[in-house]
Structure formats: structure tokens, C-alpha cells
C-alpha atoms as a PDB file:
ATOM      1  CA  MET A   1       0.000   0.000   0.000  1.00  0.00           C
ATOM      2  CA  SER A   2       1.304   3.466  -0.837  1.00  0.00           C
ATOM      3  CA  GLY A   3       0.606   5.021   2.540  1.00  0.00           C
ATOM      4  CA  ARG A   4      -2.055   7.343   1.154  1.00  0.00           C
ATOM      5  CA  SER A   5      -5.476   6.828   2.563  1.00  0.00           C
ATOM      6  CA  ARG A   6      -8.414   6.747   0.230  1.00  0.00           C
ATOM      7  CA  LEU A   7     -11.964   7.532   0.919  1.00  0.00           C
ATOM      8  CA  PRO A   8     -14.196   4.571   0.225  1.00  0.00           C
ATOM      9  CA  GLY A   9     -15.473   4.832  -3.319  1.00  0.00           C
ATOM     10  CA  SER A  10     -13.366   7.883  -4.193  1.00  0.00           C
ATOM     11  CA  SER A  11     -11.833   6.134  -7.180  1.00  0.00           C
ATOM     12  CA  SER A  12     -15.217   5.109  -8.513  1.00  0.00           C
ATOM     13  CA  ARG A  13     -16.540   8.659  -8.048  1.00  0.00           C
ATOM     14  CA  ARG A  14     -13.613  10.031 -10.045  1.00  0.00           C
ATOM     15  CA  ASP A  15     -14.190   7.395 -12.706  1.00  0.00           C
ATOM     16  CA  ALA A  16     -17.877   8.298 -12.889  1.00  0.00           C
ATOM     17  CA  ALA A  17     -17.039  12.008 -13.162  1.00  0.00           C
ATOM     18  CA  ARG A  18     -14.523  11.260 -15.922  1.00  0.00           C
ATOM     19  CA  ILE A  19     -17.067   9.187 -17.838  1.00  0.00           C
ATOM     20  CA  VAL A  20     -19.647  11.962 -17.568  1.00  0.00           C
ATOM     21  CA  ALA A  21     -17.063  14.543 -18.670  1.00  0.00           C
ATOM     22  CA  GLU A  22     -16.175  12.401 -21.679  1.00  0.00           C
ATOM     23  CA  ARG A  23     -19.840  12.390 -22.728  1.00  0.00           C
ATOM     24  CA  VAL A  24     -20.058  16.213 -22.606  1.00  0.00           C
ATOM     25  CA  VAL A  25     -18.691  18.247 -25.508  1.00  0.00           C
ATOM     26  CA  ALA A  26     -19.388  21.702 -24.078  1.00  0.00           C
ATOM     27  CA  THR A  27     -21.234  23.607 -21.405  1.00  0.00           C
ATOM     28  CA  VAL A  28     -23.312  26.664 -22.290  1.00  0.00           C
ATOM     29  CA  ALA A  29     -24.872  28.793 -19.556  1.00  0.00           C
ATOM     30  CA  GLY A  30     -24.307  25.960 -17.105  1.00  0.00           C
ATOM     31  CA  VAL A  31     -26.066  23.362 -19.272  1.00  0.00           C
ATOM     32  CA  ALA A  32     -24.116  20.444 -20.714  1.00  0.00           C
ATOM     33  CA  VAL A  33     -24.118  19.692 -24.426  1.00  0.00           C
ATOM     34  CA  ALA A  34     -23.894  15.916 -24.635  1.00  0.00           C
ATOM     35  CA  VAL A  35     -22.092  13.816 -27.216  1.00  0.00           C
ATOM     36  CA  ASP A  36     -25.482  12.180 -27.782  1.00  0.00           C
ATOM     37  CA  GLU A  37     -26.771  15.468 -29.240  1.00  0.00           C
ATOM     38  CA  VAL A  38     -23.940  15.537 -31.760  1.00  0.00           C
ATOM     39  CA  ASP A  39     -24.600  11.864 -32.545  1.00  0.00           C
ATOM     40  CA  ALA A  40     -28.297  12.608 -33.119  1.00  0.00           C
ATOM     41  CA  ALA A  41     -27.553  15.599 -35.364  1.00  0.00           C
ATOM     42  CA  GLU A  42     -25.154  13.512 -37.428  1.00  0.00           C
ATOM     43  CA  ALA A  43     -27.680  10.674 -37.666  1.00  0.00           C
ATOM     44  CA  ARG A  44     -30.351  13.090 -38.947  1.00  0.00           C
ATOM     45  CA  LEU A  45     -27.987  14.268 -41.673  1.00  0.00           C
ATOM     46  CA  ARG A  46     -26.956  10.738 -42.600  1.00  0.00           C
ATOM     47  CA  ASP A  47     -30.612   9.694 -42.822  1.00  0.00           C
ATOM     48  CA  GLY A  48     -31.519  12.737 -44.918  1.00  0.00           C
ATOM     49  CA  PRO A  49     -31.813  13.335 -48.654  1.00  0.00           C
ATOM     50  CA  ARG A  50     -28.227  14.589 -49.032  1.00  0.00           C
ATOM     51  CA  ALA A  51     -26.576  11.736 -47.138  1.00  0.00           C
ATOM     52  CA  ALA A  52     -24.596  10.646 -50.193  1.00  0.00           C
ATOM     53  CA  ALA A  53     -22.775  13.998 -50.222  1.00  0.00           C
ATOM     54  CA  LEU A  54     -21.512  13.580 -46.646  1.00  0.00           C
ATOM     55  CA  PRO A  55     -18.033  12.333 -45.805  1.00  0.00           C
ATOM     56  CA  ALA A  56     -17.721   8.779 -44.526  1.00  0.00           C
ATOM     57  CA  SER A  57     -17.869   8.329 -40.763  1.00  0.00           C
ATOM     58  CA  GLY A  58     -14.526   7.833 -39.072  1.00  0.00           C
ATOM     59  CA  THR A  59     -12.512   9.650 -41.743  1.00  0.00           C
ATOM     60  CA  SER A  60     -10.793  12.978 -41.131  1.00  0.00           C
ATOM     61  CA  GLU A  61     -13.572  14.656 -43.116  1.00  0.00           C
ATOM     62  CA  GLY A  62     -16.194  12.789 -41.079  1.00  0.00           C
ATOM     63  CA  ARG A  63     -14.571  14.022 -37.872  1.00  0.00           C
ATOM     64  CA  GLN A  64     -14.565  17.557 -39.290  1.00  0.00           C
ATOM     65  CA  LEU A  65     -18.315  17.230 -39.904  1.00  0.00           C
ATOM     66  CA  ARG A  66     -18.778  16.267 -36.238  1.00  0.00           C
ATOM     67  CA  ARG A  67     -16.697  19.281 -35.141  1.00  0.00           C
ATOM     68  CA  TRP A  68     -18.860  21.523 -37.324  1.00  0.00           C
ATOM     69  CA  LEU A  69     -22.044  20.024 -35.865  1.00  0.00           C
ATOM     70  CA  THR A  70     -20.668  20.578 -32.362  1.00  0.00           C
ATOM     71  CA  GLN A  71     -19.930  24.230 -33.179  1.00  0.00           C
ATOM     72  CA  LEU A  72     -23.419  24.617 -34.618  1.00  0.00           C
ATOM     73  CA  ILE A  73     -25.157  23.114 -31.575  1.00  0.00           C
ATOM     74  CA  VAL A  74     -23.074  25.198 -29.165  1.00  0.00           C
ATOM     75  CA  THR A  75     -23.704  28.376 -31.163  1.00  0.00           C
ATOM     76  CA  GLU A  76     -27.451  27.692 -31.193  1.00  0.00           C
ATOM     77  CA  ARG A  77     -27.328  27.309 -27.402  1.00  0.00           C
ATOM     78  CA  VAL A  78     -25.320  30.530 -26.969  1.00  0.00           C
ATOM     79  CA  VAL A  79     -27.819  32.399 -29.155  1.00  0.00           C
ATOM     80  CA  ALA A  80     -30.767  31.030 -27.167  1.00  0.00           C
ATOM     81  CA  ALA A  81     -29.139  31.932 -23.843  1.00  0.00           C
ATOM     82  CA  GLU A  82     -28.189  35.455 -24.925  1.00  0.00           C
ATOM     83  CA  ALA A  83     -31.563  36.114 -26.539  1.00  0.00           C
ATOM     84  CA  ALA A  84     -33.285  35.006 -23.326  1.00  0.00           C
ATOM     85  CA  ALA A  85     -30.974  37.210 -21.247  1.00  0.00           C
ATOM     86  CA  ARG A  86     -31.892  40.197 -23.440  1.00  0.00           C
ATOM     87  CA  GLY A  87     -35.596  39.336 -23.490  1.00  0.00           C
ATOM     88  CA  LEU A  88     -35.580  38.963 -27.273  1.00  0.00           C
ATOM     89  CA  THR A  89     -38.061  36.963 -29.316  1.00  0.00           C
ATOM     90  CA  ALA A  90     -38.164  36.059 -32.985  1.00  0.00           C
ATOM     91  CA  ALA A  91     -40.973  38.580 -33.542  1.00  0.00           C
ATOM     92  CA  GLY A  92     -39.849  41.310 -35.874  1.00  0.00           C
ATOM     93  CA  ALA A  93     -36.577  39.601 -36.761  1.00  0.00           C
ATOM     94  CA  PRO A  94     -35.096  40.686 -40.073  1.00  0.00           C
ATOM     95  CA  ALA A  95     -35.452  38.289 -42.973  1.00  0.00           C
ATOM     96  CA  GLU A  96     -32.525  36.010 -43.677  1.00  0.00           C
ATOM     97  CA  ALA A  97     -32.110  37.623 -47.098  1.00  0.00           C
ATOM     98  CA  ASP A  98     -31.731  41.026 -45.420  1.00  0.00           C
ATOM     99  CA  LEU A  99     -28.743  39.814 -43.406  1.00  0.00           C
ATOM    100  CA  LEU A 100     -27.265  37.406 -45.946  1.00  0.00           C
ATOM    101  CA  PRO A 101     -28.329  38.706 -49.363  1.00  0.00           C
ATOM    102  CA  ASP A 102     -26.052  36.489 -51.457  1.00  0.00           C
ATOM    103  CA  ALA A 103     -23.520  33.661 -51.452  1.00  0.00           C
ATOM    104  CA  THR A 104     -20.654  36.087 -50.857  1.00  0.00           C
ATOM    105  CA  ALA A 105     -22.239  37.322 -47.630  1.00  0.00           C
ATOM    106  CA  ARG A 106     -22.723  33.719 -46.484  1.00  0.00           C
ATOM    107  CA  LEU A 107     -19.093  32.894 -47.191  1.00  0.00           C
ATOM    108  CA  GLU A 108     -17.843  36.011 -45.440  1.00  0.00           C
ATOM    109  CA  ILE A 109     -19.828  35.390 -42.264  1.00  0.00           C
ATOM    110  CA  GLY A 110     -18.828  31.725 -42.037  1.00  0.00           C
ATOM    111  CA  SER A 111     -20.745  28.494 -42.341  1.00  0.00           C
ATOM    112  CA  VAL A 112     -21.739  28.120 -38.682  1.00  0.00           C
ATOM    113  CA  ALA A 113     -23.016  31.700 -38.402  1.00  0.00           C
ATOM    114  CA  ALA A 114     -24.824  31.412 -41.737  1.00  0.00           C
ATOM    115  CA  ALA A 115     -26.496  28.177 -40.621  1.00  0.00           C
ATOM    116  CA  VAL A 116     -27.525  29.647 -37.263  1.00  0.00           C
ATOM    117  CA  LEU A 117     -28.975  32.739 -38.941  1.00  0.00           C
ATOM    118  CA  ALA A 118     -31.622  30.516 -40.530  1.00  0.00           C
ATOM    119  CA  ASP A 119     -33.305  30.800 -37.098  1.00  0.00           C
ATOM    120  CA  PRO A 120     -35.364  34.000 -36.657  1.00  0.00           C
ATOM    121  CA  LEU A 121     -34.297  34.254 -33.002  1.00  0.00           C
ATOM    122  CA  ALA A 122     -30.648  34.301 -34.085  1.00  0.00           C
ATOM    123  CA  ARG A 123     -31.443  37.031 -36.605  1.00  0.00           C
ATOM    124  CA  ALA A 124     -33.190  39.072 -33.903  1.00  0.00           C
ATOM    125  CA  LEU A 125     -30.124  38.727 -31.683  1.00  0.00           C
ATOM    126  CA  PHE A 126     -27.795  39.594 -34.576  1.00  0.00           C
ATOM    127  CA  ALA A 127     -29.822  42.742 -35.263  1.00  0.00           C
ATOM    128  CA  ALA A 128     -29.754  43.719 -31.577  1.00  0.00           C
ATOM    129  CA  VAL A 129     -26.014  43.151 -31.224  1.00  0.00           C
ATOM    130  CA  THR A 130     -25.088  44.971 -34.425  1.00  0.00           C
ATOM    131  CA  ALA A 131     -27.523  47.899 -34.048  1.00  0.00           C
END
């Protein structure tokens, strides 16, 4: 024995905490974003009409898709939290075409931001932040 005393079950508690941490990809406003959410988002894409255009799972491109989905989910959560904190609703949000009038604007703003701006609440927040 090493001479260090252990609390009963302390190792198993650490193991449980590590397992939980491994199943969480981010925390937004104190709420965990679980790996399961990323898995579900990927599954929806892979079951959708454009599945053939997606990279194969397990490849570097497939992992990049999962990173993008993670960024998208986290950004959606940040938008929801900030909109709630500001008391914003989707009512009166600018149209998507007003914020992103063409492909150039979509490329300049970035794919995650462009995808999130499909949501009227995100557009309302964007308008409030950039006013």
C-alpha cells in the first residue's frame, strides 16, 4: 500500500465524473451539451436526402463534420441563452435575405453563423447586437 489513505469509493466517483465529462462536448450557460446530441444531429444528416454527399464516418472529413455540428449546436445554445438574457423573441426579426443577401455574404460570415442565422431568433439577436 502506498501510505495514502483513500476515501471509500473515491476512485469510482472520479471514474464516474470522468465518464460523464467524456460524454459532454461543451457547457453553455451551465447546461451540458452531450455527445449524444452531436450523434443525433449527425444521424439526422446521414438519414436525410443529401446523405450521399456527406463524408464517410470515421474519416478525417467525417470528424470535421462532427466538429462543425458541435460548433453549430453550441452556437445555437449561446444564441438562445443570450436572446433570453436580453428578453428577445423572434418577432420582428429581419429576414434572412436582409442579413445574408447572397452567397458572398454567407461565405464572409462563415458556415456556422450562416447556418444559425436561418433561425429567426438568431437574426433578432444579430440585429440587436449589431444595431
